[in-house]
Amino acid sequence: MLGGMVFVLGRARGVRWAALVLLAGVGCGARTTLSVEVDAARADASVPRIDAGFDGGVEGVDGGLDGGFDGGFDAGLDGGTIYVPPEAGCAEVRMGVRPPSDVPQVDLLFVIDDSRSMAQEQELLAESAPLFVRTLASGDLDGDGSLDFPPVTDLQVGVISTDLGWVRLRGDELVATSCLSPDGVPGGRDGLLQPIDPTRVGCEGMPTQFFLRYSDGDSIDAFERSFGCMASLGVDGCGFEQPLEAALKALTPSTSPVRFLGDAVGHGDSLNAGFLRPGSILAIVVVSDEDDVSVADASFLELGEERFVLEDGWRHPIARYVDGFAALRADPAHVVFAAIAGVPPELSGPIDTPERADAILADSRMQRRYDPDSGTGLRPACTSSGGSATPPRRLVEVARGMAGRAVVQSICEDDFRPAVAVIAQRLGELVETTWCVDGEGP
């Protein structure tokens, strides 16, 4: 437990602030004296060091501090950073707003449903992408010109499909098949990053890229066009959506003990190598109008349709994904999970606590109810001009397991920009928060 007094300085929505804060438990060990130093790169050169301990308070700082704060201290900070000296296990502990040199890379994976009901939703997602990039690149959430979080200067974006194929039994073995694919390739799109198709209308002549990279100063308009082409997967994918398994397979390295259908390994350090970078913040965004049906065993093949859509025992447990996604980063807090799925719009928003997710799951519209006349076998949880969407209970359950770093938004909207803004805000909060530097990034 670390305790003491420290001056915290920074900027929130363009307004400088300073306050005395009683620190009680800033991780990575314990000590009795706390030293705080304003980052000289982001502060006026005249701002001196502040040393505070248990022995008598705070020493004066150029007339601004004399045993306390007199209200006249202006450090000239523009998103300044407070540095806390290292504790056990940390090369450096930092609090407050990160300076530009310390803003982490962000790797953003979209997991997009490419089944036949998703044409309009893919278009809406492509239209909202510029807002996402502009928000992260500017650090301005509401467009008022004020800095709300440090701008992200290095962003990678990749797209995979929810299509891992259908499955069938070969003797006692569960085998992936191609579902709707005419070429008969097992495993659907298999969690592989989907490149830009230069033969698609509007994408002619574009390079075949497996993921996009935005760096400070790049053209957002060019990124918008590229992402629109990459996110337009078409609607001939398998209607047996497995977004959670697809994301885990896409990102998990082959060295992990996690195995997939047919004892396969993940693609994170092989076919998808280069996308997920060491030390980056990872965001996984699922976009689907149906729930996850990631297959663990073939018992569902013996069920009738009603039991198939209502029962969960044949699917992988939720813990596989909560734990699996967390294991992709040295600090699980650096993984954000978001779903744009079939929750009623009024239930949308950040999942800050497990109770918030529980309230969504308890809503009557979020219950699985068999409907033999629907195309999915389930009664929809919400509808829009683009169609209907079934209750995404498993996606909300993953968000519950990642509460505090999760967002659930509704796909039953005619504009995805508000949903994208909420997800960008959650990422911005993570970019800005306290972190312990171990020499290898977040």
Protein backbone atom coordinates (compact mmCIF):
# COMPACT_ATOMS: atom_id res chain seq x y z
CA MET A 1 0.00 0.00 0.00
CA LEU A 2 1.41 3.38 -1.00
CA GLY A 3 0.17 6.47 0.83
CA GLY A 4 0.94 10.15 0.97
CA MET A 5 0.10 13.44 -0.68
CA VAL A 6 0.90 14.39 -4.22
CA PHE A 7 0.07 17.24 -6.50
CA VAL A 8 -1.65 16.02 -9.66
CA LEU A 9 -1.62 18.33 -12.64
CA GLY A 10 -3.14 17.89 -16.03
CA ARG A 11 -5.74 19.00 -18.50
CA ALA A 12 -9.33 17.84 -18.88
CA ARG A 13 -11.45 19.05 -21.83
CA GLY A 14 -8.99 21.86 -22.39
CA VAL A 15 -9.10 23.17 -18.79
CA ARG A 16 -5.96 23.02 -16.69
CA TRP A 17 -6.40 21.56 -13.27
CA ALA A 18 -4.35 20.85 -10.18
CA ALA A 19 -5.27 19.19 -6.92
CA LEU A 20 -3.80 17.60 -3.86
CA VAL A 21 -4.55 13.92 -3.90
CA LEU A 22 -4.18 11.42 -1.11
CA LEU A 23 -2.70 8.33 -2.67
CA ALA A 24 -3.85 5.08 -1.17
CA GLY A 25 -2.60 2.07 -3.02
CA VAL A 26 -0.86 2.98 -6.27
CA GLY A 27 0.22 -0.56 -7.20
CA CYS A 28 3.57 -2.22 -7.71
CA GLY A 29 4.71 -2.37 -4.11
CA ALA A 30 4.96 -0.01 -1.12
CA ARG A 31 7.11 2.75 0.20
CA THR A 32 6.80 5.66 2.60
CA THR A 33 8.04 8.57 0.54
CA LEU A 34 6.61 9.71 -2.78
CA SER A 35 8.37 11.91 -5.29
CA VAL A 36 6.49 13.42 -8.20
CA GLU A 37 7.99 15.09 -11.23
CA VAL A 38 6.18 16.95 -13.99
CA ASP A 39 7.23 15.78 -17.45
CA ALA A 40 9.53 18.53 -18.70
CA ALA A 41 8.74 17.71 -22.32
CA ARG A 42 5.09 18.65 -21.81
CA ALA A 43 5.40 21.34 -19.15
CA ASP A 44 6.91 24.82 -18.93
CA ALA A 45 10.62 24.66 -18.19
CA SER A 46 10.14 26.72 -15.05
CA VAL A 47 8.06 24.08 -13.31
CA PRO A 48 10.29 22.53 -10.64
CA ARG A 49 10.15 19.16 -9.03
CA ILE A 50 7.69 18.55 -6.18
CA ASP A 51 8.79 16.28 -3.40
CA ALA A 52 6.17 15.13 -0.93
CA GLY A 53 6.44 12.67 1.92
CA PHE A 54 4.95 11.85 5.24
CA ASP A 55 7.36 14.18 7.04
CA GLY A 56 5.62 17.49 6.80
CA GLY A 57 3.71 18.05 3.62
CA VAL A 58 4.64 19.75 0.43
CA GLU A 59 7.56 22.08 -0.19
CA GLY A 60 7.01 25.37 -2.00
CA VAL A 61 7.09 25.57 -5.74
CA ASP A 62 7.85 29.02 -7.19
CA GLY A 63 5.22 30.68 -5.02
CA GLY A 64 2.52 28.26 -6.09
CA LEU A 65 2.94 25.88 -3.18
CA ASP A 66 3.78 26.79 0.40
CA GLY A 67 2.69 23.97 2.64
CA GLY A 68 -0.24 23.45 0.30
CA PHE A 69 -1.82 24.78 -2.86
CA ASP A 70 -2.68 28.47 -2.93
CA GLY A 71 -4.73 28.40 -6.09
CA GLY A 72 -2.16 30.19 -8.20
CA PHE A 73 -0.19 27.31 -9.65
CA ASP A 74 -0.20 27.12 -13.45
CA ALA A 75 2.27 24.63 -14.81
CA GLY A 76 1.50 25.47 -18.41
CA LEU A 77 0.67 21.83 -18.96
CA ASP A 78 -0.93 20.65 -22.14
CA GLY A 79 -1.92 17.11 -21.27
CA GLY A 80 0.98 16.80 -18.80
CA THR A 81 2.16 13.64 -17.12
CA ILE A 82 2.90 12.89 -13.48
CA TYR A 83 5.74 10.45 -12.86
CA VAL A 84 5.83 8.32 -9.74
CA PRO A 85 9.19 6.68 -8.99
CA PRO A 86 9.50 2.96 -9.47
CA GLU A 87 8.14 0.48 -6.98
CA ALA A 88 9.00 -3.20 -6.72
CA GLY A 89 8.50 -4.93 -10.04
CA CYS A 90 8.12 -1.72 -12.07
CA ALA A 91 10.74 0.12 -14.07
CA GLU A 92 8.53 3.18 -13.73
CA VAL A 93 5.02 3.97 -12.50
CA ARG A 94 3.14 6.75 -14.25
CA MET A 95 -0.13 8.50 -13.54
CA GLY A 96 -2.29 10.90 -15.50
CA VAL A 97 -2.25 11.81 -19.18
CA ARG A 98 0.49 10.22 -21.24
CA PRO A 99 2.82 12.45 -23.26
CA PRO A 100 2.81 11.77 -27.05
CA SER A 101 6.04 9.77 -26.87
CA ASP A 102 4.39 7.32 -24.49
CA VAL A 103 1.00 6.88 -26.19
CA PRO A 104 0.78 3.17 -26.98
CA GLN A 105 0.10 1.60 -30.32
CA VAL A 106 -3.46 0.40 -30.82
CA ASP A 107 -4.35 -2.78 -32.73
CA LEU A 108 -8.03 -2.93 -33.65
CA LEU A 109 -9.59 -6.17 -34.90
CA PHE A 110 -13.05 -6.12 -36.43
CA VAL A 111 -14.85 -9.48 -36.46
CA ILE A 112 -17.55 -9.05 -39.09
CA ASP A 113 -20.53 -11.28 -39.79
CA ASP A 114 -20.59 -11.95 -43.53
CA SER A 115 -23.78 -14.00 -43.65
CA ARG A 116 -26.57 -13.05 -46.04
CA SER A 117 -28.42 -10.75 -43.61
CA MET A 118 -25.48 -8.37 -43.10
CA ALA A 119 -25.22 -6.26 -46.27
CA GLN A 120 -26.62 -3.04 -44.80
CA GLU A 121 -24.72 -3.44 -41.54
CA GLN A 122 -21.40 -3.78 -43.39
CA GLU A 123 -22.18 -0.55 -45.25
CA LEU A 124 -22.98 1.26 -42.00
CA LEU A 125 -19.74 0.05 -40.45
CA ALA A 126 -17.70 1.24 -43.43
CA GLU A 127 -19.38 4.66 -43.22
CA SER A 128 -18.60 5.02 -39.51
CA ALA A 129 -14.90 4.10 -39.76
CA PRO A 130 -13.67 7.65 -40.47
CA LEU A 131 -15.22 8.86 -37.20
CA PHE A 132 -13.40 6.12 -35.34
CA VAL A 133 -10.03 7.03 -36.81
CA ARG A 134 -10.58 10.79 -36.50
CA THR A 135 -11.57 10.45 -32.85
CA LEU A 136 -8.57 8.31 -31.92
CA ALA A 137 -6.17 10.39 -34.03
CA SER A 138 -7.34 13.72 -32.61
CA GLY A 139 -8.04 12.73 -29.00
CA ASP A 140 -11.23 14.79 -29.29
CA LEU A 141 -14.36 12.81 -28.41
CA ASP A 142 -17.02 15.43 -29.03
CA GLY A 143 -15.52 17.57 -31.77
CA ASP A 144 -15.23 20.67 -29.57
CA GLY A 145 -11.53 21.13 -30.27
CA SER A 146 -10.43 20.17 -26.75
CA LEU A 147 -8.14 17.27 -25.99
CA ASP A 148 -10.04 14.53 -24.15
CA PHE A 149 -7.25 11.93 -24.27
CA PRO A 150 -3.78 11.72 -25.85
CA PRO A 151 -4.10 11.25 -29.62
CA VAL A 152 -3.26 7.79 -30.91
CA THR A 153 -0.48 8.15 -33.44
CA ASP A 154 -0.08 4.51 -34.49
CA LEU A 155 -3.20 2.46 -35.26
CA GLN A 156 -3.50 -0.87 -37.04
CA VAL A 157 -6.86 -2.21 -38.21
CA GLY A 158 -7.61 -5.73 -39.39
CA VAL A 159 -10.77 -7.55 -40.41
CA ILE A 160 -11.74 -11.19 -40.02
CA SER A 161 -14.98 -13.03 -40.69
CA THR A 162 -17.25 -14.85 -38.25
CA ASP A 163 -17.15 -17.74 -40.74
CA LEU A 164 -15.31 -20.79 -39.41
CA GLY A 165 -17.46 -23.08 -41.51
CA TRP A 166 -20.07 -25.60 -40.51
CA VAL A 167 -19.19 -28.86 -38.83
CA ARG A 168 -20.02 -32.51 -39.33
CA LEU A 169 -19.04 -35.83 -37.84
CA ARG A 170 -16.51 -38.12 -39.48
CA GLY A 171 -16.86 -41.16 -37.27
CA ASP A 172 -16.32 -39.69 -33.81
CA GLU A 173 -14.32 -36.73 -35.11
CA LEU A 174 -15.72 -33.23 -35.43
CA VAL A 175 -14.69 -31.80 -38.81
CA ALA A 176 -15.11 -28.29 -40.22
CA THR A 177 -16.74 -27.95 -43.62
CA SER A 178 -17.19 -24.95 -45.87
CA CYS A 179 -20.85 -24.13 -45.18
CA LEU A 180 -21.77 -21.98 -48.19
CA SER A 181 -18.36 -21.76 -49.85
CA PRO A 182 -18.39 -23.29 -53.34
CA ASP A 183 -14.70 -24.23 -53.26
CA GLY A 184 -15.16 -26.75 -50.45
CA VAL A 185 -12.31 -25.35 -48.31
CA PRO A 186 -12.71 -26.61 -44.73
CA GLY A 187 -13.03 -24.13 -41.92
CA GLY A 188 -14.64 -21.24 -43.78
CA ARG A 189 -12.35 -18.19 -43.57
CA ASP A 190 -10.60 -19.76 -40.58
CA GLY A 191 -9.90 -16.60 -38.58
CA LEU A 192 -7.50 -15.27 -41.23
CA LEU A 193 -7.12 -11.55 -41.80
CA GLN A 194 -9.12 -10.65 -44.88
CA PRO A 195 -7.27 -8.64 -47.52
CA ILE A 196 -8.63 -5.89 -49.71
CA ASP A 197 -10.08 -7.38 -52.89
CA PRO A 198 -8.87 -5.13 -55.75
CA THR A 199 -11.49 -6.64 -58.08
CA ARG A 200 -14.39 -5.36 -55.97
CA VAL A 201 -16.30 -2.41 -57.38
CA GLY A 202 -14.83 0.80 -55.95
CA CYS A 203 -11.63 -0.96 -54.85
CA GLU A 204 -9.95 -1.26 -58.24
CA GLY A 205 -6.21 -0.85 -58.19
CA MET A 206 -5.89 -0.90 -54.42
CA PRO A 207 -2.99 -2.93 -52.98
CA THR A 208 -3.80 -6.31 -51.47
CA GLN A 209 -3.29 -5.50 -47.80
CA PHE A 210 -4.09 -7.86 -44.93
CA PHE A 211 -4.36 -5.03 -42.41
CA LEU A 212 -4.25 -1.25 -42.50
CA ARG A 213 -1.95 1.07 -40.62
CA TYR A 214 -2.68 4.68 -39.75
CA SER A 215 0.17 6.86 -38.52
CA ASP A 216 0.13 10.48 -37.43
CA GLY A 217 -0.19 12.68 -40.52
CA ASP A 218 -1.63 10.00 -42.83
CA SER A 219 -4.72 10.78 -44.89
CA ILE A 220 -7.90 9.79 -43.06
CA ASP A 221 -9.78 9.97 -46.37
CA ALA A 222 -7.46 7.36 -47.88
CA PHE A 223 -7.86 5.20 -44.79
CA GLU A 224 -11.65 5.52 -45.07
CA ARG A 225 -11.63 4.19 -48.62
CA SER A 226 -9.29 1.33 -47.75
CA PHE A 227 -11.28 0.29 -44.69
CA GLY A 228 -14.53 0.43 -46.66
CA CYS A 229 -13.08 -2.07 -49.11
CA MET A 230 -11.63 -4.29 -46.41
CA ALA A 231 -14.82 -4.36 -44.32
CA SER A 232 -17.03 -5.23 -47.29
CA LEU A 233 -16.68 -8.99 -46.95
CA GLY A 234 -19.84 -9.74 -48.89
CA VAL A 235 -22.74 -11.84 -47.69
CA ASP A 236 -21.87 -15.33 -48.86
CA GLY A 237 -20.29 -16.39 -45.57
CA CYS A 238 -21.50 -19.15 -43.31
CA GLY A 239 -24.63 -18.40 -41.29
CA PHE A 240 -23.20 -20.46 -38.44
CA GLU A 241 -21.45 -17.48 -36.82
CA GLN A 242 -18.48 -18.14 -34.53
CA PRO A 243 -17.05 -14.66 -33.84
CA LEU A 244 -15.48 -15.50 -30.47
CA GLU A 245 -13.65 -18.56 -31.72
CA ALA A 246 -12.61 -16.75 -34.91
CA ALA A 247 -11.11 -13.85 -32.94
CA LEU A 248 -9.28 -16.16 -30.55
CA LYS A 249 -7.86 -18.23 -33.40
CA ALA A 250 -6.84 -15.12 -35.33
CA LEU A 251 -4.79 -13.67 -32.46
CA THR A 252 -3.54 -16.65 -30.42
CA PRO A 253 0.10 -17.60 -31.15
CA SER A 254 0.95 -21.15 -32.14
CA THR A 255 3.00 -21.48 -28.96
CA SER A 256 -0.12 -21.15 -26.79
CA PRO A 257 -1.62 -24.30 -25.25
CA VAL A 258 -5.01 -23.21 -26.63
CA ARG A 259 -6.13 -25.52 -29.42
CA PHE A 260 -8.87 -25.26 -32.00
CA LEU A 261 -10.95 -27.65 -34.05
CA GLY A 262 -8.87 -30.59 -35.26
CA ASP A 263 -6.14 -29.76 -32.69
CA ALA A 264 -5.17 -26.74 -34.79
CA VAL A 265 -3.08 -23.88 -33.40
CA GLY A 266 -3.72 -20.17 -33.60
CA HIS A 267 -2.58 -17.87 -36.40
CA GLY A 268 -1.28 -14.96 -34.31
CA ASP A 269 2.41 -15.57 -35.00
CA SER A 270 2.09 -17.25 -38.38
CA LEU A 271 -0.53 -16.45 -41.01
CA ASN A 272 -1.64 -13.29 -39.15
CA ALA A 273 1.85 -12.34 -37.93
CA GLY A 274 2.59 -8.63 -37.65
CA PHE A 275 -0.90 -7.51 -36.78
CA LEU A 276 -0.82 -7.83 -32.99
CA ARG A 277 2.25 -5.95 -31.82
CA PRO A 278 4.11 -6.33 -28.50
CA GLY A 279 2.97 -3.70 -26.02
CA SER A 280 -0.04 -2.49 -27.98
CA ILE A 281 -3.56 -1.96 -26.70
CA LEU A 282 -5.82 -4.55 -28.32
CA ALA A 283 -9.44 -3.86 -29.20
CA ILE A 284 -11.74 -6.61 -30.50
CA VAL A 285 -14.99 -5.40 -32.07
CA VAL A 286 -17.62 -7.98 -33.07
CA VAL A 287 -20.29 -6.87 -35.55
CA SER A 288 -23.07 -9.43 -35.97
CA ASP A 289 -26.86 -9.70 -35.98
CA GLU A 290 -26.76 -13.16 -34.37
CA ASP A 291 -25.23 -14.68 -31.26
CA ASP A 292 -22.00 -16.64 -31.12
CA VAL A 293 -22.22 -20.40 -31.70
CA SER A 294 -18.56 -21.36 -31.29
CA VAL A 295 -18.57 -25.15 -31.36
CA ALA A 296 -16.92 -27.25 -28.66
CA ASP A 297 -18.36 -30.66 -29.58
CA ALA A 298 -20.76 -32.30 -32.00
CA SER A 299 -23.56 -33.09 -29.57
CA PHE A 300 -25.74 -30.41 -31.13
CA LEU A 301 -25.96 -32.53 -34.29
CA GLU A 302 -28.20 -34.90 -32.37
CA LEU A 303 -30.55 -32.12 -31.21
CA GLY A 304 -33.66 -30.87 -32.91
CA GLU A 305 -33.81 -27.23 -33.98
CA GLU A 306 -35.46 -26.02 -30.78
CA ARG A 307 -32.87 -27.53 -28.47
CA PHE A 308 -30.10 -26.48 -30.86
CA VAL A 309 -30.96 -22.77 -30.60
CA LEU A 310 -31.81 -22.80 -26.89
CA GLU A 311 -29.07 -24.93 -25.34
CA ASP A 312 -25.47 -23.97 -24.65
CA GLY A 313 -23.76 -27.19 -23.61
CA TRP A 314 -22.26 -27.89 -27.03
CA ARG A 315 -20.63 -24.46 -27.27
CA HIS A 316 -17.29 -23.46 -25.79
CA PRO A 317 -17.59 -21.93 -22.29
CA ILE A 318 -17.43 -18.15 -21.98
CA ALA A 319 -14.32 -18.41 -19.79
CA ARG A 320 -12.39 -19.67 -22.83
CA TYR A 321 -12.72 -16.23 -24.39
CA VAL A 322 -12.50 -14.02 -21.31
CA ASP A 323 -9.29 -15.80 -20.30
CA GLY A 324 -8.03 -16.28 -23.85
CA PHE A 325 -8.33 -12.62 -24.80
CA ALA A 326 -6.76 -11.52 -21.50
CA ALA A 327 -3.78 -13.83 -22.13
CA LEU A 328 -2.96 -11.96 -25.35
CA ARG A 329 -1.54 -8.99 -23.38
CA ALA A 330 0.88 -8.86 -20.46
CA ASP A 331 -1.73 -6.75 -18.67
CA PRO A 332 -5.33 -7.92 -19.24
CA ALA A 333 -6.46 -4.32 -18.74
CA HIS A 334 -5.01 -3.57 -22.17
CA VAL A 335 -7.68 -5.59 -23.98
CA VAL A 336 -10.97 -3.92 -24.91
CA PHE A 337 -13.95 -6.00 -26.05
CA ALA A 338 -16.88 -4.46 -27.91
CA ALA A 339 -19.92 -5.87 -29.66
CA ILE A 340 -22.28 -4.17 -32.07
CA ALA A 341 -24.99 -6.79 -31.89
CA GLY A 342 -28.66 -7.50 -31.28
CA VAL A 343 -29.23 -5.74 -27.96
CA PRO A 344 -32.19 -3.34 -27.84
CA PRO A 345 -30.83 0.19 -28.44
CA GLU A 346 -31.85 1.49 -25.01
CA LEU A 347 -29.69 -1.17 -23.36
CA SER A 348 -26.54 -0.11 -25.20
CA GLY A 349 -23.49 1.38 -23.57
CA PRO A 350 -20.26 0.70 -21.69
CA ILE A 351 -20.15 -2.36 -19.44
CA ASP A 352 -18.51 -0.87 -16.38
CA THR A 353 -19.60 -3.56 -13.91
CA PRO A 354 -20.84 -7.16 -14.08
CA GLU A 355 -24.18 -5.89 -12.76
CA ARG A 356 -24.56 -3.71 -15.84
CA ALA A 357 -24.26 -6.78 -18.05
CA ASP A 358 -26.58 -8.73 -15.76
CA ALA A 359 -29.27 -6.09 -16.27
CA ILE A 360 -29.01 -6.52 -20.05
CA LEU A 361 -29.14 -10.30 -19.79
CA ALA A 362 -32.19 -10.12 -17.51
CA ASP A 363 -34.23 -8.06 -19.98
CA SER A 364 -37.17 -10.03 -21.37
CA ARG A 365 -36.13 -9.28 -24.97
CA MET A 366 -32.71 -10.81 -24.37
CA GLN A 367 -34.07 -14.28 -23.56
CA ARG A 368 -33.72 -17.06 -26.11
CA ARG A 369 -37.23 -17.90 -27.30
CA TYR A 370 -37.83 -20.47 -29.96
CA ASP A 371 -39.62 -19.24 -33.07
CA PRO A 372 -39.98 -21.89 -35.80
CA ASP A 373 -41.13 -19.29 -38.31
CA SER A 374 -38.02 -17.12 -38.10
CA GLY A 375 -35.01 -17.77 -40.25
CA THR A 376 -32.83 -18.26 -37.20
CA GLY A 377 -35.18 -20.28 -35.00
CA LEU A 378 -35.14 -17.49 -32.40
CA ARG A 379 -37.40 -14.54 -31.69
CA PRO A 380 -35.50 -11.30 -32.39
CA ALA A 381 -34.36 -9.00 -29.59
CA CYS A 382 -34.51 -5.89 -31.77
CA THR A 383 -35.44 -4.78 -35.27
CA SER A 384 -34.44 -1.96 -37.62
CA SER A 385 -34.89 -0.94 -41.24
CA GLY A 386 -32.09 -3.37 -42.06
CA GLY A 387 -33.82 -6.37 -40.48
CA SER A 388 -33.83 -8.07 -37.11
CA ALA A 389 -31.21 -9.40 -34.71
CA THR A 390 -31.30 -12.23 -32.18
CA PRO A 391 -30.26 -11.89 -28.51
CA PRO A 392 -26.42 -11.89 -28.33
CA ARG A 393 -26.28 -13.42 -24.88
CA ARG A 394 -22.82 -14.95 -25.24
CA LEU A 395 -21.33 -11.69 -26.48
CA VAL A 396 -22.81 -9.86 -23.48
CA GLU A 397 -21.48 -12.59 -21.19
CA VAL A 398 -17.96 -12.03 -22.53
CA ALA A 399 -18.43 -8.30 -21.94
CA ARG A 400 -19.52 -9.15 -18.40
CA GLY A 401 -16.29 -11.07 -17.83
CA MET A 402 -14.34 -8.07 -19.13
CA ALA A 403 -16.36 -5.41 -17.28
CA GLY A 404 -14.59 -2.08 -17.11
CA ARG A 405 -13.08 -2.56 -20.55
CA ALA A 406 -16.11 -3.62 -22.57
CA VAL A 407 -18.87 -2.00 -24.61
CA VAL A 408 -22.13 -3.42 -25.99
CA GLN A 409 -23.93 -1.40 -28.66
CA SER A 410 -27.03 -2.17 -30.74
CA ILE A 411 -26.85 -3.24 -34.36
CA CYS A 412 -30.52 -2.24 -34.69
CA GLU A 413 -29.63 1.36 -35.52
CA ASP A 414 -29.58 3.16 -38.84
CA ASP A 415 -26.35 4.94 -37.94
CA PHE A 416 -23.33 3.23 -36.36
CA ARG A 417 -21.49 6.44 -35.61
CA PRO A 418 -22.83 6.77 -32.04
CA ALA A 419 -21.80 3.16 -31.36
CA VAL A 420 -18.34 3.75 -32.77
CA ALA A 421 -17.98 6.92 -30.68
CA VAL A 422 -18.68 5.01 -27.47
CA ILE A 423 -16.10 2.36 -28.38
CA ALA A 424 -13.55 5.06 -29.23
CA GLN A 425 -14.23 6.69 -25.86
CA ARG A 426 -13.48 3.45 -24.03
CA LEU A 427 -10.21 3.13 -25.92
CA GLY A 428 -9.38 6.74 -25.14
CA GLU A 429 -9.94 6.14 -21.44
CA LEU A 430 -7.52 3.24 -21.55
CA VAL A 431 -4.89 5.29 -23.37
CA GLU A 432 -5.10 7.92 -20.62
CA THR A 433 -5.09 5.87 -17.43
CA THR A 434 -2.41 4.93 -14.91
CA TRP A 435 0.13 2.36 -16.00
CA CYS A 436 3.16 0.53 -14.70
CA VAL A 437 6.06 0.51 -17.15
CA ASP A 438 7.98 -2.75 -17.13
CA GLY A 439 10.30 -1.90 -19.97
CA GLU A 440 8.17 -3.65 -22.58
CA GLY A 441 5.19 -1.30 -22.87
CA PRO A 442 1.62 -1.87 -21.67
